[in-house]
């Protein structure tokens, strides 16, 4: 529970309580309040202001950004093709492959 609060400082005790219920942990909201208070953490929701960019930066390693381009099949149909982007850096380029890997991604070497 304390890890949830440290990773999400904008959450109040009620949000933490709700997330714990989703995870299958049955605990009363008042118990969450007490645990946070005893740990020296203010259970109020306005512990810290967080921006969208702060959230994205903190979650960059877990996020998978994706771009798409279209290809035309032999039958003339347009099909979108995903291109995974490296969200942990600036997200501007495709994920880097191992240079020692096979040049054909369909045939691992």
N, C-alpha and C. Protein backbone atom coordinates (compact mmCIF):
# COMPACT_ATOMS: atom_id res chain seq x y z
N UNK A 1 0.82 -1.18 0.00
CA UNK A 1 0.00 0.00 0.00
C UNK A 1 0.87 1.25 0.00
N UNK A 2 1.91 1.24 0.81
CA UNK A 2 2.78 2.41 0.87
C UNK A 2 3.49 2.63 -0.47
N UNK A 3 3.79 1.54 -1.16
CA UNK A 3 4.40 1.67 -2.49
C UNK A 3 3.43 2.35 -3.46
N UNK A 4 2.16 1.98 -3.42
CA UNK A 4 1.14 2.62 -4.26
C UNK A 4 1.12 4.12 -4.02
N UNK A 5 1.18 4.51 -2.76
CA UNK A 5 1.12 5.92 -2.39
C UNK A 5 2.38 6.65 -2.85
N UNK A 6 3.55 6.01 -2.68
CA UNK A 6 4.80 6.65 -3.12
C UNK A 6 4.84 6.82 -4.63
N UNK A 7 4.33 5.83 -5.37
CA UNK A 7 4.34 5.91 -6.83
C UNK A 7 3.24 6.81 -7.38
N UNK A 8 2.24 7.11 -6.57
CA UNK A 8 1.11 7.94 -6.99
C UNK A 8 0.81 8.97 -5.90
N UNK A 9 1.69 9.96 -5.73
CA UNK A 9 1.56 10.89 -4.60
C UNK A 9 0.29 11.74 -4.62
N UNK A 10 -0.38 11.83 -5.75
CA UNK A 10 -1.60 12.63 -5.82
C UNK A 10 -2.82 11.87 -5.32
N UNK A 11 -2.71 10.57 -5.10
CA UNK A 11 -3.83 9.76 -4.65
C UNK A 11 -4.10 10.00 -3.17
N UNK A 12 -5.36 10.09 -2.82
CA UNK A 12 -5.77 10.16 -1.44
C UNK A 12 -6.08 8.76 -0.92
N UNK A 13 -6.44 8.69 0.36
CA UNK A 13 -6.67 7.37 0.95
C UNK A 13 -7.85 6.65 0.30
N UNK A 14 -8.85 7.40 -0.17
CA UNK A 14 -10.00 6.75 -0.82
C UNK A 14 -9.60 6.12 -2.16
N UNK A 15 -8.76 6.79 -2.92
CA UNK A 15 -8.31 6.23 -4.19
C UNK A 15 -7.44 4.99 -3.94
N UNK A 16 -6.57 5.07 -2.95
CA UNK A 16 -5.73 3.93 -2.60
C UNK A 16 -6.63 2.76 -2.17
N UNK A 17 -7.64 3.05 -1.38
CA UNK A 17 -8.59 2.02 -0.94
C UNK A 17 -9.26 1.36 -2.15
N UNK A 18 -9.70 2.17 -3.11
CA UNK A 18 -10.34 1.63 -4.31
C UNK A 18 -9.40 0.77 -5.13
N UNK A 19 -8.16 1.20 -5.28
CA UNK A 19 -7.18 0.42 -6.04
C UNK A 19 -6.88 -0.91 -5.34
N UNK A 20 -6.81 -0.88 -4.03
CA UNK A 20 -6.58 -2.13 -3.28
C UNK A 20 -7.73 -3.10 -3.48
N UNK A 21 -8.97 -2.58 -3.50
CA UNK A 21 -10.12 -3.45 -3.74
C UNK A 21 -10.04 -4.09 -5.12
N UNK A 22 -9.62 -3.30 -6.13
CA UNK A 22 -9.47 -3.83 -7.49
C UNK A 22 -8.42 -4.95 -7.51
N UNK A 23 -7.39 -4.79 -6.70
CA UNK A 23 -6.32 -5.80 -6.63
C UNK A 23 -6.72 -7.00 -5.77
N UNK A 24 -7.91 -6.95 -5.17
CA UNK A 24 -8.37 -8.08 -4.37
C UNK A 24 -8.02 -8.00 -2.90
N UNK A 25 -7.53 -6.85 -2.46
CA UNK A 25 -7.18 -6.67 -1.05
C UNK A 25 -8.38 -6.03 -0.36
N UNK A 26 -9.00 -6.78 0.56
CA UNK A 26 -10.17 -6.27 1.27
C UNK A 26 -9.71 -5.58 2.54
N UNK A 27 -9.86 -4.28 2.55
CA UNK A 27 -9.47 -3.47 3.70
C UNK A 27 -10.42 -2.27 3.76
N UNK A 28 -10.71 -1.81 4.97
CA UNK A 28 -11.59 -0.66 5.14
C UNK A 28 -10.84 0.62 4.80
N UNK A 29 -11.58 1.62 4.31
CA UNK A 29 -10.97 2.91 3.98
C UNK A 29 -10.35 3.54 5.23
N UNK A 30 -10.99 3.35 6.38
CA UNK A 30 -10.44 3.91 7.61
C UNK A 30 -9.11 3.26 7.99
N UNK A 31 -8.95 1.99 7.63
CA UNK A 31 -7.68 1.30 7.89
C UNK A 31 -6.58 1.88 7.01
N UNK A 32 -6.91 2.17 5.75
CA UNK A 32 -5.95 2.81 4.84
C UNK A 32 -5.53 4.15 5.42
N UNK A 33 -6.50 4.93 5.90
CA UNK A 33 -6.23 6.24 6.51
C UNK A 33 -5.25 6.07 7.66
N UNK A 34 -5.52 5.11 8.56
CA UNK A 34 -4.67 4.89 9.73
C UNK A 34 -3.25 4.48 9.34
N UNK A 35 -3.13 3.57 8.38
CA UNK A 35 -1.80 3.10 7.96
C UNK A 35 -1.00 4.26 7.38
N UNK A 36 -1.62 5.07 6.55
CA UNK A 36 -0.92 6.22 5.97
C UNK A 36 -0.51 7.21 7.05
N UNK A 37 -1.44 7.48 7.98
CA UNK A 37 -1.14 8.43 9.06
C UNK A 37 0.01 7.92 9.92
N UNK A 38 0.00 6.61 10.26
CA UNK A 38 1.06 6.04 11.09
C UNK A 38 2.40 6.02 10.37
N UNK A 39 2.37 5.97 9.04
CA UNK A 39 3.61 5.98 8.25
C UNK A 39 4.12 7.40 8.04
N UNK A 40 3.38 8.38 8.56
CA UNK A 40 3.80 9.77 8.40
C UNK A 40 3.43 10.36 7.06
N UNK A 41 2.47 9.75 6.38
CA UNK A 41 2.03 10.23 5.07
C UNK A 41 0.65 10.86 5.24
N UNK A 42 0.50 12.09 4.76
CA UNK A 42 -0.78 12.77 4.85
C UNK A 42 -1.79 12.05 3.97
N UNK A 43 -2.89 11.52 4.53
CA UNK A 43 -3.87 10.79 3.73
C UNK A 43 -4.72 11.66 2.83
N UNK A 44 -4.56 12.99 2.91
CA UNK A 44 -5.37 13.90 2.09
C UNK A 44 -4.96 13.82 0.63
N UNK A 45 -5.89 14.09 -0.31
CA UNK A 45 -5.60 13.92 -1.73
C UNK A 45 -4.64 14.93 -2.33
N UNK A 46 -4.36 16.03 -1.68
CA UNK A 46 -3.51 17.06 -2.28
C UNK A 46 -2.09 17.03 -1.73
N UNK A 47 -1.50 15.83 -1.66
CA UNK A 47 -0.13 15.74 -1.16
C UNK A 47 0.86 16.40 -2.11
N UNK A 48 0.65 16.22 -3.39
CA UNK A 48 1.57 16.80 -4.38
C UNK A 48 0.83 16.99 -5.69
N UNK A 49 1.18 18.03 -6.38
CA UNK A 49 0.58 18.25 -7.71
C UNK A 49 1.43 17.51 -8.74
N UNK A 50 0.78 16.82 -9.64
CA UNK A 50 1.49 16.07 -10.66
C UNK A 50 0.91 16.45 -12.02
N UNK A 51 1.78 16.62 -12.99
CA UNK A 51 1.31 16.97 -14.32
C UNK A 51 1.29 15.71 -15.19
N UNK A 52 0.64 15.82 -16.34
CA UNK A 52 0.56 14.71 -17.28
C UNK A 52 1.96 14.32 -17.74
N UNK A 53 2.82 15.29 -18.00
CA UNK A 53 4.18 14.97 -18.44
C UNK A 53 4.97 14.27 -17.34
N UNK A 54 4.74 14.64 -16.08
CA UNK A 54 5.40 13.93 -14.96
C UNK A 54 4.97 12.47 -14.94
N UNK A 55 3.67 12.24 -15.13
CA UNK A 55 3.17 10.87 -15.15
C UNK A 55 3.79 10.07 -16.29
N UNK A 56 3.81 10.66 -17.49
CA UNK A 56 4.38 9.94 -18.64
C UNK A 56 5.86 9.64 -18.44
N UNK A 57 6.59 10.60 -17.87
CA UNK A 57 8.01 10.37 -17.62
C UNK A 57 8.21 9.23 -16.63
N UNK A 58 7.38 9.18 -15.58
CA UNK A 58 7.55 8.14 -14.56
C UNK A 58 7.14 6.76 -15.08
N UNK A 59 6.28 6.71 -16.10
CA UNK A 59 5.79 5.44 -16.62
C UNK A 59 6.39 5.08 -17.98
N UNK A 60 7.38 5.83 -18.44
CA UNK A 60 7.89 5.67 -19.81
C UNK A 60 8.37 4.25 -20.11
N UNK A 61 9.00 3.60 -19.15
CA UNK A 61 9.52 2.26 -19.43
C UNK A 61 8.41 1.24 -19.63
N UNK A 62 7.25 1.50 -19.05
CA UNK A 62 6.15 0.55 -19.16
C UNK A 62 5.23 0.85 -20.35
N UNK A 63 5.34 2.04 -20.89
CA UNK A 63 4.47 2.42 -22.00
C UNK A 63 5.04 1.95 -23.33
N UNK A 64 4.17 1.57 -24.21
CA UNK A 64 4.58 1.23 -25.56
C UNK A 64 3.90 2.20 -26.50
N UNK A 65 4.69 3.06 -27.08
CA UNK A 65 4.14 3.99 -28.06
C UNK A 65 4.16 3.30 -29.41
N UNK A 66 3.22 3.63 -30.24
CA UNK A 66 3.12 2.96 -31.52
C UNK A 66 2.66 3.96 -32.59
N UNK A 67 3.26 3.88 -33.74
CA UNK A 67 2.84 4.66 -34.89
C UNK A 67 2.40 3.66 -35.95
N UNK A 68 1.72 4.13 -36.97
CA UNK A 68 1.24 3.24 -38.02
C UNK A 68 1.59 3.79 -39.40
N UNK A 69 1.83 2.91 -40.32
CA UNK A 69 1.92 3.28 -41.72
C UNK A 69 1.08 2.28 -42.50
N UNK A 70 0.67 2.66 -43.69
CA UNK A 70 -0.20 1.77 -44.47
C UNK A 70 0.58 1.10 -45.58
N UNK A 71 0.25 -0.15 -45.80
CA UNK A 71 0.80 -0.87 -46.95
C UNK A 71 -0.36 -1.32 -47.83
N UNK A 72 -0.06 -1.52 -49.09
CA UNK A 72 -1.08 -2.00 -50.03
C UNK A 72 -0.78 -3.46 -50.32
N UNK A 73 -1.77 -4.32 -50.10
CA UNK A 73 -1.58 -5.75 -50.35
C UNK A 73 -1.70 -6.03 -51.85
N UNK A 74 -1.43 -7.26 -52.24
CA UNK A 74 -1.52 -7.64 -53.65
C UNK A 74 -2.95 -7.52 -54.18
N UNK A 75 -3.92 -7.59 -53.28
CA UNK A 75 -5.31 -7.46 -53.70
C UNK A 75 -5.76 -6.00 -53.75
N UNK A 76 -4.86 -5.08 -53.41
CA UNK A 76 -5.20 -3.65 -53.45
C UNK A 76 -5.78 -3.12 -52.16
N UNK A 77 -5.82 -3.95 -51.13
CA UNK A 77 -6.36 -3.52 -49.83
C UNK A 77 -5.30 -2.78 -49.02
N UNK A 78 -5.72 -1.70 -48.35
CA UNK A 78 -4.81 -0.96 -47.47
C UNK A 78 -4.85 -1.60 -46.09
N UNK A 79 -3.66 -1.88 -45.55
CA UNK A 79 -3.59 -2.47 -44.21
C UNK A 79 -2.63 -1.65 -43.35
N UNK A 80 -3.08 -1.29 -42.15
CA UNK A 80 -2.19 -0.55 -41.25
C UNK A 80 -1.11 -1.49 -40.68
N UNK A 81 0.09 -0.98 -40.58
CA UNK A 81 1.20 -1.75 -40.01
C UNK A 81 1.73 -0.98 -38.80
N UNK A 82 1.77 -1.61 -37.62
CA UNK A 82 2.26 -0.91 -36.44
C UNK A 82 3.79 -0.81 -36.43
N UNK A 83 4.28 0.30 -35.91
CA UNK A 83 5.71 0.51 -35.72
C UNK A 83 5.90 0.88 -34.26
N UNK A 84 6.38 -0.04 -33.40
CA UNK A 84 6.60 0.30 -31.99
C UNK A 84 7.67 1.38 -31.87
N UNK A 85 7.42 2.37 -31.04
CA UNK A 85 8.36 3.45 -30.81
C UNK A 85 8.98 3.30 -29.44
N UNK A 86 10.14 3.87 -29.27
CA UNK A 86 10.86 3.79 -28.00
C UNK A 86 10.34 4.89 -27.08
N UNK A 87 9.40 4.54 -26.20
CA UNK A 87 8.79 5.52 -25.31
C UNK A 87 9.73 5.90 -24.17
N UNK A 88 10.72 5.08 -23.87
CA UNK A 88 11.63 5.39 -22.78
C UNK A 88 12.58 6.53 -23.15
N UNK A 89 12.81 6.75 -24.43
CA UNK A 89 13.63 7.90 -24.81
C UNK A 89 12.69 9.05 -25.15
N UNK A 90 12.83 9.63 -26.32
CA UNK A 90 11.93 10.73 -26.67
C UNK A 90 10.76 10.25 -27.51
N UNK A 91 10.71 8.96 -27.83
CA UNK A 91 9.60 8.43 -28.60
C UNK A 91 9.65 8.79 -30.07
N UNK A 92 10.77 9.35 -30.52
CA UNK A 92 10.83 9.83 -31.89
C UNK A 92 11.23 8.76 -32.89
N UNK A 93 11.79 7.67 -32.43
CA UNK A 93 12.26 6.67 -33.39
C UNK A 93 11.76 5.28 -33.06
N UNK A 94 11.93 4.36 -34.01
CA UNK A 94 11.49 2.98 -33.75
C UNK A 94 12.35 2.33 -32.68
N UNK A 95 11.83 1.28 -32.08
CA UNK A 95 12.61 0.54 -31.09
C UNK A 95 13.89 0.03 -31.73
N UNK A 96 14.96 0.07 -30.99
CA UNK A 96 16.24 -0.38 -31.54
C UNK A 96 16.33 -1.89 -31.43
N UNK A 97 16.74 -2.49 -32.52
CA UNK A 97 16.93 -3.94 -32.54
C UNK A 97 18.38 -4.26 -32.23
N UNK A 98 18.62 -5.49 -31.81
CA UNK A 98 19.97 -5.97 -31.55
C UNK A 98 20.70 -6.05 -32.88
N UNK A 99 21.84 -5.35 -33.04
CA UNK A 99 22.55 -5.37 -34.32
C UNK A 99 23.04 -6.75 -34.73
N UNK A 100 23.20 -7.65 -33.73
CA UNK A 100 23.66 -9.00 -34.06
C UNK A 100 22.50 -9.89 -34.51
N UNK A 101 21.27 -9.39 -34.39
CA UNK A 101 20.11 -10.19 -34.77
C UNK A 101 20.03 -10.29 -36.29
N UNK A 102 19.22 -11.21 -36.73
CA UNK A 102 19.01 -11.40 -38.15
C UNK A 102 18.44 -10.13 -38.78
N UNK A 103 18.87 -9.77 -39.99
CA UNK A 103 18.32 -8.57 -40.63
C UNK A 103 16.86 -8.74 -41.00
N UNK A 104 16.37 -9.95 -41.08
CA UNK A 104 14.97 -10.19 -41.40
C UNK A 104 14.22 -10.51 -40.10
N UNK A 105 13.36 -9.58 -39.59
CA UNK A 105 12.71 -9.80 -38.30
C UNK A 105 11.76 -11.00 -38.33
N UNK A 106 11.37 -11.46 -39.53
CA UNK A 106 10.47 -12.61 -39.62
C UNK A 106 11.22 -13.94 -39.49
N UNK A 107 12.54 -13.87 -39.65
CA UNK A 107 13.37 -15.07 -39.56
C UNK A 107 14.48 -14.83 -38.56
N UNK A 108 14.21 -15.08 -37.27
CA UNK A 108 15.24 -14.85 -36.26
C UNK A 108 16.50 -15.66 -36.54
N UNK A 109 17.62 -15.03 -36.31
CA UNK A 109 18.85 -15.66 -36.71
C UNK A 109 19.55 -16.41 -35.68
